[in-house]
Amino acid sequence: MTVLLIRNRSTYFICGFIRSFTKSSKSKANLFDVRVKQIQRDNAFGLSNRKTFDYIRESTAINLADRLYDINKEFYLGLEIGCTRGDLLSSKIDSEKINFLFQSDSSVGALSRPNSTFPIQMHLESPQLRVSMFDIAIANLSLHWVNDLEDCFHRISKLLVPDAPFMISMFGEFTLCELSSSLREAEMKIMGGFSPRVSPFIRLSDLATLFNAGGFTLITVDQDYITVRYPGLLELMHDLGRMGESNCTVGRNTHLRRDVIRLAEEIYMKRYGEEHRNIPATFEIIYGIGWTPANM
């Protein structure tokens, strides 16, 4: 199923580079600048009009909640990993399904929202709480900036009791493919080279690998697509920043020349543009669920 969002300057309507995972990946330097990403998240989640820019997470939260209710089981203690606005997921889950939903985030701005339930400040790079504490964990588009995802999944499995699910949504490899290709081509034509402007994302098969490496069983993964139409390239980049999704790769070029932006928008419009001069942006969403092994 493909979900279409049409984004203008005030409202919306529901209507690459690829990360690799190898055995030697732990010896490599960090891919993302953790300090910069923390600043970006704090700034974004502290916005008074934060809800305006949550349309992607809102859609994935609905899908995660639907998948949760497909599980014929109730849970006593739940943990949301990366709660962003606070009520995105919790407002879609009643207390009979998850009696107590603890919400964790590394951003004080996310945890200070009045609609956060049982807030816990926790570093998303290395989630650490009491072992075997929770009956379910859910992460909604919150872990794609984590450097060591294998270690993160392993730590999450340790937080869960036996026979407990971990549900997740993540951006997939085709996310923002139009933006990435347009900026790359524009920089090549003007600068004679290019700097990665879009974060690397994972493949569908990578998510299953991560679940397996974390010690989960009964793994299921699938994908979905959300297409958002924007008035122009600057509006797209503006919204990404307000989402807390600006690029933070280590060694990135932080300066983007105006002539590159103008040419990139021309390329974007010519190659992908639609009627009324809207430009589409694709977000591939990968969903997954894995269960901790049951006691034998």
Protein backbone atom coordinates (compact mmCIF):
# COMPACT_ATOMS: atom_id res chain seq x y z
CA MET A 1 0.00 0.00 0.00
CA THR A 2 1.22 3.50 -0.81
CA VAL A 3 0.04 6.42 1.32
CA LEU A 4 -0.06 9.83 -0.34
CA LEU A 5 0.37 13.03 1.65
CA ILE A 6 -0.03 16.39 -0.05
CA ARG A 7 1.97 18.99 1.86
CA ASN A 8 1.58 22.72 1.45
CA ARG A 9 2.83 25.53 3.64
CA SER A 10 0.26 25.07 6.37
CA THR A 11 -1.41 21.67 6.24
CA TYR A 12 -1.34 18.14 4.80
CA PHE A 13 -3.81 15.51 3.72
CA ILE A 14 -3.44 11.75 3.95
CA CYS A 15 -4.65 10.54 0.60
CA GLY A 16 21.12 6.77 -1.96
CA PHE A 17 23.03 5.71 0.06
CA ILE A 18 22.54 2.38 1.78
CA ARG A 19 23.83 1.27 5.16
CA SER A 20 25.69 -2.02 5.18
CA PHE A 21 25.99 -4.45 8.07
CA THR A 22 29.06 -6.65 8.19
CA LYS A 23 30.88 -8.57 10.90
CA SER A 24 33.60 -5.93 10.92
CA SER A 25 31.20 -2.98 11.19
CA LYS A 26 31.86 -2.52 14.91
CA SER A 27 35.47 -1.62 14.24
CA LYS A 28 34.51 1.21 11.90
CA ALA A 29 34.22 4.85 12.92
CA ASN A 30 30.79 6.30 13.63
CA LEU A 31 28.68 7.06 10.58
CA PHE A 32 26.62 9.74 12.35
CA ASP A 33 27.61 12.67 14.54
CA VAL A 34 25.74 11.91 17.77
CA ARG A 35 26.21 15.39 19.24
CA VAL A 36 24.85 17.14 16.13
CA LYS A 37 21.86 14.81 15.93
CA GLN A 38 21.07 15.46 19.60
CA ILE A 39 21.03 19.22 18.94
CA GLN A 40 18.81 18.74 15.88
CA ARG A 41 16.35 16.59 17.83
CA ASP A 42 16.26 18.98 20.81
CA ASN A 43 15.56 21.92 18.52
CA ALA A 44 12.87 20.10 16.55
CA PHE A 45 11.06 18.52 19.48
CA GLY A 46 11.03 21.80 21.38
CA LEU A 47 9.00 23.58 18.69
CA SER A 48 5.61 24.87 19.82
CA ASN A 49 4.12 23.85 16.45
CA ARG A 50 5.81 20.45 16.48
CA LYS A 51 2.62 18.66 15.48
CA THR A 52 2.65 20.42 12.09
CA PHE A 53 5.72 18.44 11.02
CA ASP A 54 4.80 15.02 12.42
CA TYR A 55 2.79 13.83 9.42
CA ILE A 56 5.20 10.98 8.55
CA ARG A 57 5.48 9.72 12.13
CA GLU A 58 1.72 10.11 12.55
CA SER A 59 1.11 7.77 9.62
CA THR A 60 3.62 5.16 10.81
CA ALA A 61 2.29 5.36 14.39
CA ILE A 62 -1.18 4.47 13.08
CA ASN A 63 0.25 1.48 11.21
CA LEU A 64 2.22 0.30 14.25
CA ALA A 65 -0.87 0.56 16.44
CA ASP A 66 -2.88 -1.45 13.89
CA ARG A 67 -0.21 -4.15 13.92
CA LEU A 68 -0.16 -4.14 17.70
CA TYR A 69 -3.89 -4.85 17.84
CA ASP A 70 -3.36 -7.80 15.51
CA ILE A 71 -1.52 -9.48 18.40
CA ASN A 72 -3.98 -11.42 20.52
CA LYS A 73 -2.31 -10.52 23.78
CA GLU A 74 -2.37 -7.78 26.40
CA PHE A 75 0.79 -6.30 27.93
CA TYR A 76 1.42 -4.95 31.40
CA LEU A 77 4.57 -2.82 30.97
CA GLY A 78 5.47 -1.31 27.60
CA LEU A 79 8.40 0.83 26.46
CA GLU A 80 8.31 3.31 23.59
CA ILE A 81 11.86 3.96 22.39
CA GLY A 82 12.08 7.49 21.00
CA CYS A 83 8.74 9.07 21.88
CA THR A 84 9.26 12.41 20.00
CA ARG A 85 6.02 14.35 20.61
CA GLY A 86 4.73 12.09 23.37
CA ASP A 87 1.22 11.26 22.21
CA LEU A 88 1.91 10.13 18.65
CA LEU A 89 1.78 6.45 19.60
CA SER A 90 0.30 6.50 23.10
CA SER A 91 -2.91 8.21 21.92
CA LYS A 92 -3.58 5.24 19.64
CA ILE A 93 -3.13 2.54 22.30
CA ASP A 94 -5.57 2.14 25.15
CA SER A 95 -4.57 1.07 28.64
CA GLU A 96 -6.22 -2.31 28.25
CA LYS A 97 -3.78 -3.24 25.48
CA ILE A 98 -0.70 -1.85 27.27
CA ASN A 99 -1.47 -1.12 30.93
CA PHE A 100 1.52 1.19 31.49
CA LEU A 101 3.47 2.66 28.56
CA PHE A 102 6.83 4.15 29.54
CA GLN A 103 8.19 6.64 27.00
CA SER A 104 11.90 7.12 26.52
CA ASP A 105 13.95 9.56 24.50
CA SER A 106 17.37 11.19 24.58
CA SER A 107 15.77 14.58 23.91
CA VAL A 108 14.61 16.63 26.89
CA GLY A 109 12.30 18.48 24.50
CA ALA A 110 10.41 15.26 23.77
CA LEU A 111 10.15 14.19 27.40
CA SER A 112 9.05 17.60 28.65
CA ARG A 113 5.87 17.58 26.58
CA PRO A 114 2.79 17.55 28.82
CA ASN A 115 1.33 14.54 27.00
CA SER A 116 4.31 12.23 27.69
CA THR A 117 3.41 9.27 29.91
CA PHE A 118 5.97 7.89 32.37
CA PRO A 119 8.92 9.69 30.70
CA ILE A 120 12.43 8.19 30.87
CA GLN A 121 15.54 9.90 29.52
CA MET A 122 17.56 7.23 27.74
CA HIS A 123 20.34 7.39 25.16
CA LEU A 124 19.03 5.85 21.94
CA GLU A 125 22.55 4.77 20.92
CA SER A 126 22.74 2.41 23.90
CA PRO A 127 19.36 1.85 25.59
CA GLN A 128 19.95 0.70 29.16
CA LEU A 129 17.35 0.05 31.83
CA ARG A 130 16.64 -2.84 34.16
CA VAL A 131 17.05 -6.23 32.49
CA SER A 132 13.87 -8.16 31.67
CA MET A 133 11.60 -5.32 32.74
CA PHE A 134 9.17 -4.77 29.85
CA ASP A 135 6.58 -6.94 28.14
CA ILE A 136 6.78 -5.07 24.82
CA ALA A 137 8.97 -2.42 23.18
CA ILE A 138 8.03 -0.18 20.23
CA ALA A 139 10.23 2.20 18.20
CA ASN A 140 8.53 4.51 15.70
CA LEU A 141 11.06 6.03 13.24
CA SER A 142 13.51 6.69 16.07
CA LEU A 143 16.53 4.42 15.51
CA HIS A 144 17.74 5.17 11.95
CA TRP A 145 20.38 7.61 13.29
CA VAL A 146 21.89 5.02 15.66
CA ASN A 147 25.47 4.13 14.72
CA ASP A 148 25.62 0.56 16.05
CA LEU A 149 22.20 -0.87 15.34
CA GLU A 150 23.25 -4.45 16.07
CA ASP A 151 24.28 -3.50 19.60
CA CYS A 152 21.12 -1.41 20.00
CA PHE A 153 18.85 -4.34 19.05
CA HIS A 154 20.79 -6.61 21.41
CA ARG A 155 20.35 -4.15 24.29
CA ILE A 156 16.63 -3.82 23.57
CA SER A 157 16.21 -7.59 23.71
CA LYS A 158 17.76 -7.56 27.18
CA LEU A 159 15.13 -5.07 28.38
CA LEU A 160 12.32 -7.48 27.50
CA VAL A 161 10.93 -10.47 29.35
CA PRO A 162 10.84 -13.84 27.55
CA ASP A 163 8.26 -14.17 24.78
CA ALA A 164 7.96 -10.38 24.34
CA PRO A 165 7.67 -8.51 21.01
CA PHE A 166 9.79 -5.64 19.74
CA MET A 167 7.98 -3.65 17.03
CA ILE A 168 9.72 -1.07 14.88
CA SER A 169 9.34 1.22 11.90
CA MET A 170 12.41 2.55 10.07
CA PHE A 171 13.15 4.51 6.92
CA GLY A 172 14.19 2.25 4.05
CA GLU A 173 16.77 2.59 1.30
CA PHE A 174 14.51 4.41 -1.20
CA THR A 175 13.63 7.20 1.22
CA LEU A 176 14.18 10.64 -0.36
CA CYS A 177 15.64 9.03 -3.49
CA GLU A 178 14.41 11.96 -5.62
CA LEU A 179 16.09 14.54 -3.38
CA SER A 180 19.32 12.58 -3.18
CA SER A 181 19.67 12.11 -6.95
CA SER A 182 18.75 15.73 -7.76
CA LEU A 183 21.25 17.21 -5.31
CA ARG A 184 23.96 14.80 -6.41
CA GLU A 185 23.49 15.65 -10.10
CA ALA A 186 23.39 19.40 -9.40
CA GLU A 187 26.60 19.29 -7.35
CA MET A 188 28.34 17.19 -9.98
CA LYS A 189 27.46 19.70 -12.72
CA ILE A 190 28.49 22.79 -10.74
CA MET A 191 31.17 21.55 -8.35
CA GLY A 192 32.58 18.59 -10.27
CA GLY A 193 31.91 16.36 -7.26
CA PHE A 194 29.28 15.80 -4.59
CA SER A 195 28.85 15.41 -0.84
CA PRO A 196 26.26 13.00 0.60
CA ARG A 197 23.22 15.14 1.45
CA VAL A 198 20.82 12.39 2.49
CA SER A 199 21.40 9.88 5.27
CA PRO A 200 22.11 6.27 4.30
CA PHE A 201 19.19 3.98 5.09
CA ILE A 202 18.79 0.23 5.51
CA ARG A 203 17.40 -2.45 3.19
CA LEU A 204 14.40 -4.61 4.03
CA SER A 205 16.65 -7.64 4.46
CA ASP A 206 18.91 -5.68 6.85
CA LEU A 207 16.11 -5.32 9.38
CA ALA A 208 15.65 -9.08 9.56
CA THR A 209 19.41 -9.41 10.02
CA LEU A 210 19.34 -6.90 12.89
CA PHE A 211 16.52 -8.73 14.65
CA ASN A 212 18.39 -12.00 14.30
CA ALA A 213 21.64 -10.48 15.57
CA GLY A 214 19.75 -9.09 18.58
CA GLY A 215 18.58 -12.55 19.56
CA PHE A 216 14.96 -12.20 18.41
CA THR A 217 12.91 -15.01 16.89
CA LEU A 218 9.65 -15.26 14.89
CA ILE A 219 10.81 -12.29 12.80
CA THR A 220 8.49 -10.62 10.30
CA VAL A 221 9.41 -7.63 8.13
CA ASP A 222 7.55 -5.78 5.39
CA GLN A 223 7.61 -2.42 3.68
CA ASP A 224 5.30 0.42 2.74
CA TYR A 225 5.67 3.72 0.90
CA ILE A 226 4.53 7.23 1.73
CA THR A 227 4.63 9.88 -0.99
CA VAL A 228 4.49 13.51 0.09
CA ARG A 229 3.98 16.33 -2.40
CA TYR A 230 5.68 19.63 -1.62
CA PRO A 231 5.42 23.06 -3.27
CA GLY A 232 9.18 23.06 -3.82
CA LEU A 233 12.61 21.86 -2.75
CA LEU A 234 13.05 24.46 -0.02
CA GLU A 235 9.75 23.45 1.60
CA LEU A 236 10.87 19.82 1.62
CA MET A 237 14.22 20.67 3.20
CA HIS A 238 12.52 23.00 5.69
CA ASP A 239 10.18 20.25 6.86
CA LEU A 240 13.01 17.72 7.18
CA GLY A 241 14.79 20.13 9.50
CA ARG A 242 11.66 20.68 11.60
CA MET A 243 11.23 16.91 11.84
CA GLY A 244 14.74 16.63 13.31
CA GLU A 245 15.79 14.70 10.19
CA SER A 246 18.55 16.93 8.82
CA ASN A 247 21.71 15.17 7.72
CA CYS A 248 24.27 14.50 10.46
CA THR A 249 26.73 12.15 8.77
CA VAL A 250 30.30 12.54 9.98
CA GLY A 251 32.41 14.62 7.60
CA ARG A 252 29.42 16.04 5.77
CA ASN A 253 29.71 19.34 3.91
CA THR A 254 27.43 21.68 5.86
CA HIS A 255 27.40 24.39 3.16
CA LEU A 256 25.02 24.04 0.23
CA ARG A 257 25.44 26.75 -2.40
CA ARG A 258 22.41 28.62 -3.68
CA ASP A 259 23.20 27.88 -7.31
CA VAL A 260 23.32 24.17 -6.44
CA ILE A 261 19.92 24.42 -4.75
CA ARG A 262 18.43 26.24 -7.76
CA LEU A 263 19.78 23.68 -10.22
CA ALA A 264 18.72 20.77 -7.99
CA GLU A 265 15.18 22.11 -7.90
CA GLU A 266 15.16 22.45 -11.69
CA ILE A 267 16.36 18.86 -12.05
CA TYR A 268 13.86 17.66 -9.43
CA MET A 269 10.97 19.43 -11.13
CA LYS A 270 11.93 18.28 -14.63
CA ARG A 271 12.47 14.64 -13.64
CA TYR A 272 9.83 14.13 -10.96
CA GLY A 273 7.56 17.19 -11.03
CA GLU A 274 3.81 16.85 -11.24
CA GLU A 275 0.91 19.11 -12.16
CA HIS A 276 0.56 22.34 -10.22
CA ARG A 277 4.37 22.31 -9.93
CA ASN A 278 4.39 20.02 -6.90
CA ILE A 279 7.36 17.76 -6.30
CA PRO A 280 6.93 14.29 -4.79
CA ALA A 281 9.17 12.91 -2.05
CA THR A 282 9.19 9.18 -1.39
CA PHE A 283 9.56 7.75 2.11
CA GLU A 284 10.05 4.00 2.21
CA ILE A 285 8.92 2.64 5.57
CA ILE A 286 10.15 -0.74 6.77
CA TYR A 287 8.16 -2.42 9.54
CA GLY A 288 9.34 -5.30 11.62
CA ILE A 289 8.51 -7.41 14.64
CA GLY A 290 10.61 -9.93 16.50
CA TRP A 291 10.02 -11.85 19.71
CA THR A 292 12.39 -12.66 22.52
CA PRO A 293 12.73 -16.44 22.95
CA ALA A 294 10.23 -18.02 25.30
CA ASN A 295 11.49 -19.82 28.39
CA MET A 296 11.99 -23.51 27.69
